[in-house]
């Protein structure tokens, strides 16, 4: 845990996380997948860069073209391209959310490490976790 008082008055600039960027060979296609999955609107759409906005005001999600993109392997083994980030998506109904994600184009990962979480892979292989918030 970070103690905010340690930096109080130290001239630290205000920092706000406003988005997460995923690399992809096709930003438009991956943006379309996540816009449908999450129901989020576009802020911008260009062949090299797509930005989605969280309607609740949280951090957005962007997609940047990477010509040399290598899909991650999850879970990664020796020599595999490891994931660099994964998304956690809170849902109300895990079974319905998995079905919706698959209808949108996701696949369910073969390895599922927890009973109350489902790991899915987007069309480019990025893992994302669907979970129901407990209590």
N, C-alpha and C. Protein backbone atom coordinates (compact mmCIF):
# COMPACT_ATOMS: atom_id res chain seq x y z
N UNK A 1 0.84 -1.19 0.00
CA UNK A 1 0.00 0.00 0.00
C UNK A 1 0.88 1.24 0.00
N UNK A 2 0.50 2.24 -0.78
CA UNK A 2 1.26 3.48 -0.87
C UNK A 2 0.69 4.48 0.11
N UNK A 3 1.56 5.13 0.85
CA UNK A 3 1.14 6.16 1.79
C UNK A 3 1.23 7.51 1.07
N UNK A 4 0.05 8.08 0.75
CA UNK A 4 0.02 9.34 0.02
C UNK A 4 0.69 10.48 0.77
N UNK A 5 0.76 10.38 2.10
CA UNK A 5 1.38 11.44 2.88
C UNK A 5 2.88 11.54 2.62
N UNK A 6 3.50 10.42 2.16
CA UNK A 6 4.94 10.45 1.88
C UNK A 6 5.27 11.47 0.79
N UNK A 7 4.37 11.70 -0.15
CA UNK A 7 4.63 12.60 -1.26
C UNK A 7 3.92 13.94 -1.11
N UNK A 8 3.17 14.11 -0.04
CA UNK A 8 2.43 15.36 0.14
C UNK A 8 3.40 16.53 0.19
N UNK A 9 3.14 17.51 -0.64
CA UNK A 9 3.96 18.71 -0.65
C UNK A 9 5.31 18.52 -1.32
N UNK A 10 5.58 17.35 -1.86
CA UNK A 10 6.88 17.07 -2.47
C UNK A 10 6.93 17.50 -3.93
N UNK A 11 5.86 18.13 -4.42
CA UNK A 11 5.86 18.59 -5.80
C UNK A 11 5.53 17.50 -6.80
N UNK A 12 4.97 16.41 -6.33
CA UNK A 12 4.61 15.33 -7.24
C UNK A 12 3.45 15.77 -8.11
N UNK A 13 3.58 15.54 -9.39
CA UNK A 13 2.52 15.89 -10.34
C UNK A 13 1.31 14.98 -10.13
N UNK A 14 0.14 15.49 -10.43
CA UNK A 14 -1.09 14.69 -10.37
C UNK A 14 -1.07 13.72 -11.55
N UNK A 15 -1.24 12.44 -11.28
CA UNK A 15 -1.23 11.42 -12.31
C UNK A 15 -2.57 10.68 -12.32
N UNK A 16 -3.12 10.47 -13.49
CA UNK A 16 -4.40 9.77 -13.62
C UNK A 16 -4.32 8.77 -14.76
N UNK A 17 -4.53 7.51 -14.46
CA UNK A 17 -4.56 6.50 -15.51
C UNK A 17 -5.83 6.70 -16.31
N UNK A 18 -5.72 6.95 -17.60
CA UNK A 18 -6.87 7.23 -18.45
C UNK A 18 -7.14 6.15 -19.48
N UNK A 19 -6.21 5.20 -19.61
CA UNK A 19 -6.46 4.16 -20.59
C UNK A 19 -5.44 3.05 -20.55
N UNK A 20 -5.80 1.97 -21.19
CA UNK A 20 -4.94 0.81 -21.38
C UNK A 20 -4.87 0.59 -22.89
N UNK A 21 -3.67 0.30 -23.40
CA UNK A 21 -3.47 0.12 -24.84
C UNK A 21 -3.04 -1.32 -25.09
N UNK A 22 -3.73 -1.97 -26.02
CA UNK A 22 -3.36 -3.32 -26.45
C UNK A 22 -2.79 -3.26 -27.85
N UNK A 23 -1.68 -3.95 -28.06
CA UNK A 23 -1.11 -4.07 -29.39
C UNK A 23 -1.89 -5.10 -30.18
N UNK A 24 -1.98 -4.88 -31.50
CA UNK A 24 -2.77 -5.75 -32.36
C UNK A 24 -2.35 -5.56 -33.81
N UNK A 25 -2.50 -6.59 -34.62
CA UNK A 25 -2.24 -6.38 -36.05
C UNK A 25 -3.37 -5.62 -36.74
N UNK A 26 -4.56 -5.56 -36.11
CA UNK A 26 -5.72 -4.91 -36.72
C UNK A 26 -6.53 -4.15 -35.66
N UNK A 27 -6.15 -2.88 -35.38
CA UNK A 27 -6.84 -2.10 -34.35
C UNK A 27 -8.35 -1.97 -34.58
N UNK A 28 -8.77 -1.84 -35.83
CA UNK A 28 -10.19 -1.66 -36.11
C UNK A 28 -10.97 -2.93 -35.72
N UNK A 29 -10.47 -4.09 -36.10
CA UNK A 29 -11.17 -5.34 -35.77
C UNK A 29 -11.19 -5.59 -34.27
N UNK A 30 -10.06 -5.38 -33.59
CA UNK A 30 -10.04 -5.63 -32.14
C UNK A 30 -10.89 -4.58 -31.42
N UNK A 31 -10.87 -3.35 -31.90
CA UNK A 31 -11.74 -2.32 -31.32
C UNK A 31 -13.21 -2.69 -31.47
N UNK A 32 -13.57 -3.22 -32.63
CA UNK A 32 -14.95 -3.65 -32.87
C UNK A 32 -15.35 -4.76 -31.88
N UNK A 33 -14.45 -5.72 -31.64
CA UNK A 33 -14.71 -6.79 -30.69
C UNK A 33 -15.00 -6.23 -29.30
N UNK A 34 -14.10 -5.37 -28.79
CA UNK A 34 -14.28 -4.86 -27.43
C UNK A 34 -15.44 -3.88 -27.32
N UNK A 35 -15.71 -3.10 -28.37
CA UNK A 35 -16.87 -2.20 -28.35
C UNK A 35 -18.15 -3.02 -28.19
N UNK A 36 -18.24 -4.14 -28.92
CA UNK A 36 -19.42 -5.00 -28.81
C UNK A 36 -19.46 -5.71 -27.46
N UNK A 37 -18.34 -6.28 -27.05
CA UNK A 37 -18.28 -7.02 -25.78
C UNK A 37 -18.69 -6.14 -24.60
N UNK A 38 -18.10 -4.95 -24.52
CA UNK A 38 -18.32 -4.07 -23.37
C UNK A 38 -19.48 -3.10 -23.55
N UNK A 39 -19.92 -2.90 -24.79
CA UNK A 39 -20.96 -1.91 -25.05
C UNK A 39 -20.44 -0.49 -24.93
N UNK A 40 -19.17 -0.30 -25.24
CA UNK A 40 -18.54 1.02 -25.10
C UNK A 40 -18.54 1.76 -26.43
N UNK A 41 -18.68 3.09 -26.37
CA UNK A 41 -18.63 3.90 -27.60
C UNK A 41 -17.19 4.20 -28.02
N UNK A 42 -17.06 4.55 -29.29
CA UNK A 42 -15.77 4.96 -29.85
C UNK A 42 -15.50 6.42 -29.53
N UNK A 43 -14.27 6.73 -29.20
CA UNK A 43 -13.82 8.12 -29.16
C UNK A 43 -13.20 8.45 -30.51
N UNK A 44 -12.45 7.47 -31.05
CA UNK A 44 -11.86 7.66 -32.37
C UNK A 44 -11.57 6.30 -32.98
N UNK A 45 -11.56 6.28 -34.33
CA UNK A 45 -11.26 5.05 -35.04
C UNK A 45 -10.46 5.39 -36.28
N UNK A 46 -9.23 4.90 -36.32
CA UNK A 46 -8.33 5.07 -37.45
C UNK A 46 -7.64 3.73 -37.70
N UNK A 47 -7.15 3.47 -38.88
CA UNK A 47 -6.52 2.18 -39.16
C UNK A 47 -5.37 1.81 -38.22
N UNK A 48 -4.68 2.81 -37.68
CA UNK A 48 -3.53 2.56 -36.82
C UNK A 48 -3.85 2.65 -35.33
N UNK A 49 -5.01 3.22 -34.98
CA UNK A 49 -5.26 3.55 -33.57
C UNK A 49 -6.77 3.68 -33.35
N UNK A 50 -7.31 2.92 -32.40
CA UNK A 50 -8.73 2.99 -32.05
C UNK A 50 -8.83 3.24 -30.55
N UNK A 51 -9.74 4.11 -30.15
CA UNK A 51 -9.94 4.44 -28.74
C UNK A 51 -11.40 4.24 -28.38
N UNK A 52 -11.65 3.46 -27.32
CA UNK A 52 -13.00 3.28 -26.76
C UNK A 52 -13.07 4.01 -25.43
N UNK A 53 -14.24 4.56 -25.13
CA UNK A 53 -14.46 5.29 -23.89
C UNK A 53 -15.31 4.46 -22.94
N UNK A 54 -14.92 4.46 -21.66
CA UNK A 54 -15.76 3.85 -20.63
C UNK A 54 -16.89 4.83 -20.32
N UNK A 55 -18.15 4.45 -20.58
CA UNK A 55 -19.26 5.38 -20.33
C UNK A 55 -19.39 5.77 -18.86
N UNK A 56 -18.82 4.96 -17.96
CA UNK A 56 -18.88 5.28 -16.53
C UNK A 56 -17.77 6.24 -16.13
N UNK A 57 -16.90 6.61 -17.07
CA UNK A 57 -15.86 7.59 -16.78
C UNK A 57 -14.53 7.00 -16.36
N UNK A 58 -14.41 5.69 -16.32
CA UNK A 58 -13.15 5.06 -15.95
C UNK A 58 -12.15 5.11 -17.09
N UNK A 59 -11.06 4.39 -16.92
CA UNK A 59 -10.02 4.33 -17.94
C UNK A 59 -10.57 3.73 -19.22
N UNK A 60 -10.19 4.29 -20.34
CA UNK A 60 -10.62 3.79 -21.63
C UNK A 60 -9.75 2.64 -22.10
N UNK A 61 -10.03 2.16 -23.29
CA UNK A 61 -9.30 1.04 -23.86
C UNK A 61 -8.95 1.41 -25.30
N UNK A 62 -7.66 1.28 -25.63
CA UNK A 62 -7.19 1.65 -26.96
C UNK A 62 -6.47 0.48 -27.61
N UNK A 63 -6.36 0.56 -28.94
CA UNK A 63 -5.75 -0.50 -29.72
C UNK A 63 -4.80 0.13 -30.72
N UNK A 64 -3.56 -0.31 -30.70
CA UNK A 64 -2.51 0.26 -31.53
C UNK A 64 -1.97 -0.81 -32.47
N UNK A 65 -1.81 -0.45 -33.74
CA UNK A 65 -1.28 -1.40 -34.72
C UNK A 65 0.17 -1.73 -34.38
N UNK A 66 0.46 -3.03 -34.37
CA UNK A 66 1.83 -3.53 -34.23
C UNK A 66 2.06 -4.50 -35.37
N UNK A 67 2.86 -4.09 -36.32
CA UNK A 67 3.10 -4.90 -37.51
C UNK A 67 3.75 -6.23 -37.17
N UNK A 68 4.55 -6.29 -36.14
CA UNK A 68 5.26 -7.51 -35.75
C UNK A 68 4.59 -8.19 -34.56
N UNK A 69 3.29 -8.01 -34.40
CA UNK A 69 2.56 -8.58 -33.26
C UNK A 69 2.70 -10.10 -33.22
N UNK A 70 2.99 -10.60 -32.02
CA UNK A 70 3.04 -12.04 -31.77
C UNK A 70 2.04 -12.32 -30.66
N UNK A 71 1.02 -13.14 -30.93
CA UNK A 71 0.00 -13.41 -29.90
C UNK A 71 0.62 -14.07 -28.67
N UNK A 72 0.16 -13.69 -27.48
CA UNK A 72 0.66 -14.34 -26.27
C UNK A 72 0.11 -15.76 -26.15
N UNK A 73 0.81 -16.56 -25.39
CA UNK A 73 0.35 -17.91 -25.05
C UNK A 73 -0.01 -17.87 -23.57
N UNK A 74 -1.21 -18.36 -23.25
CA UNK A 74 -1.61 -18.35 -21.84
C UNK A 74 -2.11 -19.71 -21.44
N UNK A 75 -1.57 -20.25 -20.34
CA UNK A 75 -0.39 -19.75 -19.63
C UNK A 75 0.86 -20.03 -20.45
N UNK A 76 1.81 -19.14 -20.36
CA UNK A 76 3.04 -19.26 -21.15
C UNK A 76 3.95 -20.34 -20.58
N UNK A 77 4.60 -21.04 -21.49
CA UNK A 77 5.62 -22.02 -21.12
C UNK A 77 6.97 -21.48 -21.54
N UNK A 78 8.01 -22.26 -21.31
CA UNK A 78 9.36 -21.83 -21.71
C UNK A 78 9.41 -21.50 -23.20
N UNK A 79 9.92 -20.32 -23.51
CA UNK A 79 10.07 -19.90 -24.90
C UNK A 79 8.82 -19.32 -25.54
N UNK A 80 7.68 -19.37 -24.84
CA UNK A 80 6.43 -18.81 -25.38
C UNK A 80 6.40 -17.31 -25.22
N UNK A 81 5.67 -16.64 -26.11
CA UNK A 81 5.40 -15.21 -25.95
C UNK A 81 4.45 -15.05 -24.76
N UNK A 82 4.92 -14.45 -23.69
CA UNK A 82 4.10 -14.25 -22.50
C UNK A 82 3.19 -13.04 -22.68
N UNK A 83 2.05 -13.07 -21.99
CA UNK A 83 1.18 -11.89 -22.02
C UNK A 83 1.88 -10.77 -21.27
N UNK A 84 1.60 -9.56 -21.68
CA UNK A 84 2.17 -8.40 -21.00
C UNK A 84 1.14 -7.75 -20.09
N UNK A 85 -0.13 -8.02 -20.36
CA UNK A 85 -1.21 -7.44 -19.57
C UNK A 85 -2.44 -8.30 -19.80
N UNK A 86 -3.33 -8.31 -18.83
CA UNK A 86 -4.64 -8.91 -19.07
C UNK A 86 -5.68 -8.00 -18.44
N UNK A 87 -6.90 -8.10 -18.90
CA UNK A 87 -7.99 -7.26 -18.43
C UNK A 87 -8.86 -8.05 -17.48
N UNK A 88 -9.30 -7.43 -16.39
CA UNK A 88 -10.28 -8.01 -15.47
C UNK A 88 -11.61 -7.32 -15.73
N UNK A 89 -12.64 -8.10 -16.03
CA UNK A 89 -13.95 -7.56 -16.36
C UNK A 89 -14.97 -8.12 -15.37
N UNK A 90 -15.51 -7.23 -14.54
CA UNK A 90 -16.52 -7.64 -13.57
C UNK A 90 -17.85 -7.84 -14.27
N UNK A 91 -18.54 -8.94 -13.92
CA UNK A 91 -19.82 -9.27 -14.52
C UNK A 91 -20.83 -9.62 -13.44
N UNK A 92 -22.11 -9.60 -13.79
CA UNK A 92 -23.16 -9.98 -12.85
C UNK A 92 -23.47 -11.48 -12.89
N UNK A 93 -23.29 -12.08 -14.06
CA UNK A 93 -23.62 -13.49 -14.27
C UNK A 93 -22.50 -14.11 -15.09
N UNK A 94 -21.71 -14.95 -14.46
CA UNK A 94 -20.52 -15.50 -15.11
C UNK A 94 -20.87 -16.37 -16.32
N UNK A 95 -21.87 -17.21 -16.20
CA UNK A 95 -22.25 -18.09 -17.30
C UNK A 95 -22.73 -17.28 -18.50
N UNK A 96 -23.58 -16.29 -18.25
CA UNK A 96 -24.09 -15.45 -19.33
C UNK A 96 -22.97 -14.61 -19.94
N UNK A 97 -22.06 -14.13 -19.12
CA UNK A 97 -20.95 -13.31 -19.63
C UNK A 97 -20.02 -14.12 -20.51
N UNK A 98 -19.75 -15.37 -20.14
CA UNK A 98 -18.90 -16.22 -20.98
C UNK A 98 -19.60 -16.48 -22.32
N UNK A 99 -20.88 -16.77 -22.28
CA UNK A 99 -21.63 -17.01 -23.52
C UNK A 99 -21.59 -15.77 -24.41
N UNK A 100 -21.77 -14.57 -23.83
CA UNK A 100 -21.74 -13.34 -24.60
C UNK A 100 -20.34 -13.12 -25.20
N UNK A 101 -19.30 -13.33 -24.38
CA UNK A 101 -17.94 -13.14 -24.88
C UNK A 101 -17.67 -14.07 -26.07
N UNK A 102 -18.13 -15.31 -25.97
CA UNK A 102 -17.94 -16.25 -27.08
C UNK A 102 -18.75 -15.83 -28.30
N UNK A 103 -19.94 -15.31 -28.10
CA UNK A 103 -20.75 -14.82 -29.23
C UNK A 103 -20.05 -13.65 -29.92
N UNK A 104 -19.34 -12.84 -29.14
CA UNK A 104 -18.62 -11.69 -29.70
C UNK A 104 -17.34 -12.11 -30.42
N UNK A 105 -16.85 -13.32 -30.18
CA UNK A 105 -15.66 -13.79 -30.87
C UNK A 105 -14.53 -14.24 -29.97
N UNK A 106 -14.75 -14.24 -28.65
CA UNK A 106 -13.71 -14.71 -27.72
C UNK A 106 -13.73 -16.23 -27.68
N UNK A 107 -12.63 -16.80 -27.21
CA UNK A 107 -12.61 -18.23 -26.92
C UNK A 107 -12.27 -18.43 -25.45
N UNK A 108 -12.80 -19.47 -24.90
CA UNK A 108 -12.53 -19.82 -23.51
C UNK A 108 -11.16 -20.48 -23.46
N UNK A 109 -10.31 -20.00 -22.57
CA UNK A 109 -8.98 -20.60 -22.42
C UNK A 109 -9.11 -22.02 -21.90
N UNK A 110 -8.23 -22.90 -22.35
CA UNK A 110 -8.28 -24.30 -21.87
C UNK A 110 -7.99 -24.39 -20.39
N UNK A 111 -7.01 -23.61 -19.91
CA UNK A 111 -6.63 -23.65 -18.50
C UNK A 111 -7.44 -22.60 -17.74
N UNK A 112 -8.15 -23.04 -16.71
CA UNK A 112 -8.94 -22.16 -15.86
C UNK A 112 -8.45 -22.33 -14.42
N UNK A 113 -7.71 -21.35 -13.90
CA UNK A 113 -7.07 -21.53 -12.58
C UNK A 113 -7.99 -21.36 -11.37
N UNK A 114 -9.18 -20.79 -11.58
CA UNK A 114 -10.08 -20.53 -10.45
C UNK A 114 -11.50 -20.92 -10.82
N UNK A 115 -12.27 -21.37 -9.84
CA UNK A 115 -13.66 -21.76 -10.06
C UNK A 115 -14.56 -20.57 -10.37
N UNK A 116 -14.28 -19.42 -9.73
CA UNK A 116 -15.18 -18.27 -9.83
C UNK A 116 -14.72 -17.22 -10.83
N UNK A 117 -13.75 -17.58 -11.68
CA UNK A 117 -13.23 -16.68 -12.71
C UNK A 117 -13.14 -17.49 -14.00
N UNK A 118 -13.44 -16.85 -15.11
CA UNK A 118 -13.27 -17.50 -16.40
C UNK A 118 -12.29 -16.68 -17.23
N UNK A 119 -11.23 -17.34 -17.67
CA UNK A 119 -10.24 -16.71 -18.53
C UNK A 119 -10.66 -16.94 -19.97
N UNK A 120 -10.79 -15.84 -20.69
CA UNK A 120 -11.12 -15.88 -22.11
C UNK A 120 -9.98 -15.26 -22.89
N UNK A 121 -9.93 -15.53 -24.18
CA UNK A 121 -8.94 -14.95 -25.06
C UNK A 121 -9.65 -14.17 -26.15
N UNK A 122 -9.24 -12.92 -26.36
CA UNK A 122 -9.86 -12.13 -27.41
C UNK A 122 -9.39 -12.64 -28.78
N UNK A 123 -9.91 -12.11 -29.87
CA UNK A 123 -9.53 -12.62 -31.19
C UNK A 123 -8.03 -12.58 -31.50
N UNK A 124 -7.28 -11.71 -30.82
CA UNK A 124 -5.84 -11.64 -31.04
C UNK A 124 -5.05 -12.40 -29.99
N UNK A 125 -5.74 -13.08 -29.07
CA UNK A 125 -5.08 -13.90 -28.07
C UNK A 125 -4.82 -13.24 -26.73
N UNK A 126 -5.19 -11.95 -26.57
CA UNK A 126 -5.02 -11.29 -25.27
C UNK A 126 -5.96 -11.93 -24.26
N UNK A 127 -5.46 -12.36 -23.10
CA UNK A 127 -6.34 -12.92 -22.08
C UNK A 127 -7.15 -11.81 -21.39
N UNK A 128 -8.38 -12.15 -21.04
CA UNK A 128 -9.15 -11.29 -20.15
C UNK A 128 -9.95 -12.19 -19.22
N UNK A 129 -10.13 -11.74 -17.99
CA UNK A 129 -10.82 -12.53 -16.97
C UNK A 129 -12.19 -11.95 -16.71
N UNK A 130 -13.18 -12.82 -16.70
CA UNK A 130 -14.54 -12.46 -16.31
C UNK A 130 -14.74 -12.98 -14.90
N UNK A 131 -15.31 -12.13 -14.03
CA UNK A 131 -15.51 -12.55 -12.64
C UNK A 131 -16.70 -11.83 -12.05
N UNK A 132 -17.29 -12.44 -11.02
CA UNK A 132 -18.38 -11.83 -10.26
C UNK A 132 -17.79 -11.35 -8.95
N UNK A 133 -18.01 -10.08 -8.63
CA UNK A 133 -17.50 -9.51 -7.37
C UNK A 133 -18.22 -10.16 -6.21
N UNK A 134 -17.46 -10.67 -5.30
CA UNK A 134 -18.04 -11.29 -4.10
C UNK A 134 -18.29 -10.24 -3.04
N UNK A 135 -19.41 -10.37 -2.41
CA UNK A 135 -19.81 -9.64 -1.35
C UNK A 135 -19.81 -8.43 -0.76
